[in-house]
Amino acid sequence: MTTVAAITPVPAAAMLCGALLGAGLWLLLVRLPFMRSVSFVERIEPQLRSQNLESRLLRAEEHILTPFGPLERILRPLIREATAKLARFNLGSAALSRRLAQARIDKSPLDFRAQQLFWALCAFIAAVSVIVVAALAGRFSPVLAVAISVGSGIGGFLFRDYWLGVQIRRREERMLAEFPSLAEMIALAVGAGESATGALDRVCRTAKGELSKEFSSVLAETRAGKPLVEALQEFSARTDLGPLIRFVDGIIVAVERGTPLAEVLRAQAQDVRDTAKRELMESAGKKEIAMMVPLVFGVLPLTVVFAVFPGIAALSLNF
């Protein structure tokens, strides 16, 4: 009968130190000048440095991808090269840019992929730490360790994408909740004689929320020289909410053809309120049915037991 020897604490610690040493030596090797290809920008930067008169105070701050400060500056070139190589195999950059715009996250797809890699790295490190602690306690399985570490890294990478979807849904819910009031305010302003641009400006100055921020972005693009119709169409392309798409289409038709807009906006606001009421009734009906499960399988059996047990006890005493 063969027995599998458990890993003692000394070999486990030696394995961890060897892995850290190997990772450090590999980082030193790949960052040597003769191992790293020089880009075109790096080759011509010394010749153009004297022509760059921009102050460093006016440069935009770089996005912080990790909470480690100086360590991020050391690892930033490696992270950017890794994410740039992964971006070559990414076929959804346009879709990711749209999702980031829907969540109103001011990041490029490359920065978001770098953040996903950081989440995957944190999950991988946490899994490796648990595996090392289990190995020190004498419980170690190579197959299970590899599965947990790889699965944790993949799970961390995918969880960031899932959390982005949660952020989009929550923001769309807030926008949909704000829409009826803003639509009626715009209808009131248009009915008082304001133009579509003036009504949007008035609403943005008086209201606060996610939808008013979107309208502020539309007005900013309009003031920068973009036509109002084009800015509204871009806003319509960034959202998947049907009421907002119909709202934007109504404003576009009113701007292009001069049709009355106030009644259309009031009708759309009423439709959204009716939809919210219907969804609330449907949610209440589903929860009412869900409440039957603990009632039937939890409360009702206990009631039967309390009602029947005294009689059964009396009969057993008589016998």
Foldseek 3Di string as FASTA:
>chain_A
DDDDFAFALVVLVVVVVVVVVVVVVVVVVCPDPVNDDDDPCNVCCVVCVVVDPDDPVPDDDDDDLDPPPVVCVVCVVVLLVVLVVVVVVDPCQVVVVLLCVLLVPPDHPSSLQSSLQVQLVVQLVVLVVVQSVCSNVRDHDVVVSVCNNVVSSVVSSVVSVVVSVVSSVVQVVFVLVCQLVLLLQLLVCVVVPDANLRSLVVSLVPDDGDNSVLSVVLNVVVVVPDDSLVSLVVVLVSDDDPLSVVLSVLSNCCVVPVDRRNVVSNVSSVVSVVVVVVVVVVVVVVVVVVVVVCVVPPVVVVVVCVVCVVVVVVVVVVD
